[in-house]
Amino acid sequence: MNKEEAIQKLKVIVKPYVKDEAALENINENTDFINDLNINSANLVDVILDVEEVFDIEIDADSMEKMRDVKSALAVIEEKLSAK
């Protein structure tokens, strides 16, 4: 899976939690989940649970802390997929 495919999957995952639809349309590596997409911290946990399900990975607490933006989320996903 390439980066663009992963970003598109993330876009689908976060869509139900996003308050700013315009920001979602412009999602890229630098998009911050909380500041740019206005996803609250409780919903961010839901996003991470959905990421685990979609990508069939387990995300530990340390990795969860890192997942504040698209770029770091992709890095965690890639790391977990390569460890399988």
C-alpha atoms as a PDB file:
ATOM      1  CA  MET A   1       0.000   0.000   0.000  1.00  0.00           C
ATOM      2  CA  ASN A   2       1.391   3.384  -0.944  1.00  0.00           C
ATOM      3  CA  LYS A   3       1.106   6.622   1.022  1.00  0.00           C
ATOM      4  CA  GLU A   4      -1.813   8.008  -1.001  1.00  0.00           C
ATOM      5  CA  GLU A   5      -3.832   4.809  -0.504  1.00  0.00           C
ATOM      6  CA  ALA A   6      -3.138   4.936   3.223  1.00  0.00           C
ATOM      7  CA  ILE A   7      -4.191   8.610   3.391  1.00  0.00           C
ATOM      8  CA  GLN A   8      -7.421   7.770   1.572  1.00  0.00           C
ATOM      9  CA  LYS A   9      -8.133   4.964   4.049  1.00  0.00           C
ATOM     10  CA  LEU A  10      -7.466   7.363   6.932  1.00  0.00           C
ATOM     11  CA  LYS A  11      -9.793   9.903   5.336  1.00  0.00           C
ATOM     12  CA  VAL A  12     -12.628   7.360   5.336  1.00  0.00           C
ATOM     13  CA  ILE A  13     -11.859   6.403   8.953  1.00  0.00           C
ATOM     14  CA  VAL A  14     -11.870   9.980  10.304  1.00  0.00           C
ATOM     15  CA  LYS A  15     -14.819  11.255   8.238  1.00  0.00           C
ATOM     16  CA  PRO A  16     -17.530  10.458  10.851  1.00  0.00           C
ATOM     17  CA  TYR A  17     -15.615  12.408  13.511  1.00  0.00           C
ATOM     18  CA  VAL A  18     -14.663  15.508  11.509  1.00  0.00           C
ATOM     19  CA  LYS A  19     -16.419  18.789  12.258  1.00  0.00           C
ATOM     20  CA  ASP A  20     -14.818  20.670   9.332  1.00  0.00           C
ATOM     21  CA  GLU A  21     -15.694  18.998   6.013  1.00  0.00           C
ATOM     22  CA  ALA A  22     -13.546  21.429   3.995  1.00  0.00           C
ATOM     23  CA  ALA A  23     -10.472  20.482   6.016  1.00  0.00           C
ATOM     24  CA  LEU A  24     -11.205  16.807   5.386  1.00  0.00           C
ATOM     25  CA  GLU A  25     -11.234  17.405   1.614  1.00  0.00           C
ATOM     26  CA  ASN A  26      -7.711  18.848   1.854  1.00  0.00           C
ATOM     27  CA  ILE A  27      -6.301  16.114   4.109  1.00  0.00           C
ATOM     28  CA  ASN A  28      -2.575  15.519   3.646  1.00  0.00           C
ATOM     29  CA  GLU A  29       0.454  14.387   5.649  1.00  0.00           C
ATOM     30  CA  ASN A  30       0.576  17.648   7.587  1.00  0.00           C
ATOM     31  CA  THR A  31      -3.067  17.559   8.676  1.00  0.00           C
ATOM     32  CA  ASP A  32      -3.413  17.596  12.466  1.00  0.00           C
ATOM     33  CA  PHE A  33      -6.379  15.580  13.729  1.00  0.00           C
ATOM     34  CA  ILE A  34      -7.260  17.915  16.595  1.00  0.00           C
ATOM     35  CA  ASN A  35      -6.274  21.359  15.291  1.00  0.00           C
ATOM     36  CA  ASP A  36      -7.118  21.003  11.591  1.00  0.00           C
ATOM     37  CA  LEU A  37      -9.982  18.507  11.611  1.00  0.00           C
ATOM     38  CA  ASN A  38     -11.408  19.531  15.001  1.00  0.00           C
ATOM     39  CA  ILE A  39     -11.609  15.935  16.211  1.00  0.00           C
ATOM     40  CA  ASN A  40     -11.895  15.931  19.996  1.00  0.00           C
ATOM     41  CA  SER A  41      -9.629  13.713  22.075  1.00  0.00           C
ATOM     42  CA  ALA A  42     -12.419  11.247  22.930  1.00  0.00           C
ATOM     43  CA  ASN A  43     -13.163  10.748  19.232  1.00  0.00           C
ATOM     44  CA  LEU A  44      -9.455  10.427  18.529  1.00  0.00           C
ATOM     45  CA  VAL A  45      -9.511   7.225  20.577  1.00  0.00           C
ATOM     46  CA  ASP A  46     -12.360   6.000  18.341  1.00  0.00           C
ATOM     47  CA  VAL A  47     -10.309   6.887  15.263  1.00  0.00           C
ATOM     48  CA  ILE A  48      -7.395   4.834  16.605  1.00  0.00           C
ATOM     49  CA  LEU A  49      -9.665   1.867  17.326  1.00  0.00           C
ATOM     50  CA  ASP A  50     -11.015   2.119  13.762  1.00  0.00           C
ATOM     51  CA  VAL A  51      -7.450   2.284  12.397  1.00  0.00           C
ATOM     52  CA  GLU A  52      -6.645  -0.933  14.282  1.00  0.00           C
ATOM     53  CA  GLU A  53      -9.662  -2.642  12.750  1.00  0.00           C
ATOM     54  CA  VAL A  54      -9.189  -1.417   9.160  1.00  0.00           C
ATOM     55  CA  PHE A  55      -5.447  -2.103   9.033  1.00  0.00           C
ATOM     56  CA  ASP A  56      -5.655  -5.229  11.247  1.00  0.00           C
ATOM     57  CA  ILE A  57      -2.984  -3.989  13.665  1.00  0.00           C
ATOM     58  CA  GLU A  58      -2.665  -3.372  17.403  1.00  0.00           C
ATOM     59  CA  ILE A  59      -1.628   0.082  18.554  1.00  0.00           C
ATOM     60  CA  ASP A  60      -0.035   0.314  21.995  1.00  0.00           C
ATOM     61  CA  ALA A  61      -0.349   3.343  24.289  1.00  0.00           C
ATOM     62  CA  ASP A  62       3.056   4.778  23.295  1.00  0.00           C
ATOM     63  CA  SER A  63       2.178   4.641  19.602  1.00  0.00           C
ATOM     64  CA  MET A  64      -1.269   6.065  20.319  1.00  0.00           C
ATOM     65  CA  GLU A  65       0.336   9.130  21.911  1.00  0.00           C
ATOM     66  CA  LYS A  66       2.283   9.771  18.699  1.00  0.00           C
ATOM     67  CA  MET A  67      -0.785   9.725  16.435  1.00  0.00           C
ATOM     68  CA  ARG A  68      -1.605  13.432  16.475  1.00  0.00           C
ATOM     69  CA  ASP A  69      -1.402  14.069  12.737  1.00  0.00           C
ATOM     70  CA  VAL A  70      -1.660  12.157   9.485  1.00  0.00           C
ATOM     71  CA  LYS A  71       2.099  11.819   9.001  1.00  0.00           C
ATOM     72  CA  SER A  72       2.705  10.253  12.424  1.00  0.00           C
ATOM     73  CA  ALA A  73      -0.390   8.056  12.071  1.00  0.00           C
ATOM     74  CA  LEU A  74       0.964   6.734   8.766  1.00  0.00           C
ATOM     75  CA  ALA A  75       4.347   6.087  10.399  1.00  0.00           C
ATOM     76  CA  VAL A  76       2.728   4.092  13.213  1.00  0.00           C
ATOM     77  CA  ILE A  77       0.562   2.133  10.759  1.00  0.00           C
ATOM     78  CA  GLU A  78       3.583   1.344   8.568  1.00  0.00           C
ATOM     79  CA  GLU A  79       5.648   0.299  11.610  1.00  0.00           C
ATOM     80  CA  LYS A  80       2.886  -2.015  12.895  1.00  0.00           C
ATOM     81  CA  LEU A  81       2.236  -3.540   9.465  1.00  0.00           C
ATOM     82  CA  SER A  82       5.935  -4.280   8.937  1.00  0.00           C
ATOM     83  CA  ALA A  83       6.133  -5.955  12.357  1.00  0.00           C
ATOM     84  CA  LYS A  84       3.397  -8.449  11.468  1.00  0.00           C
END
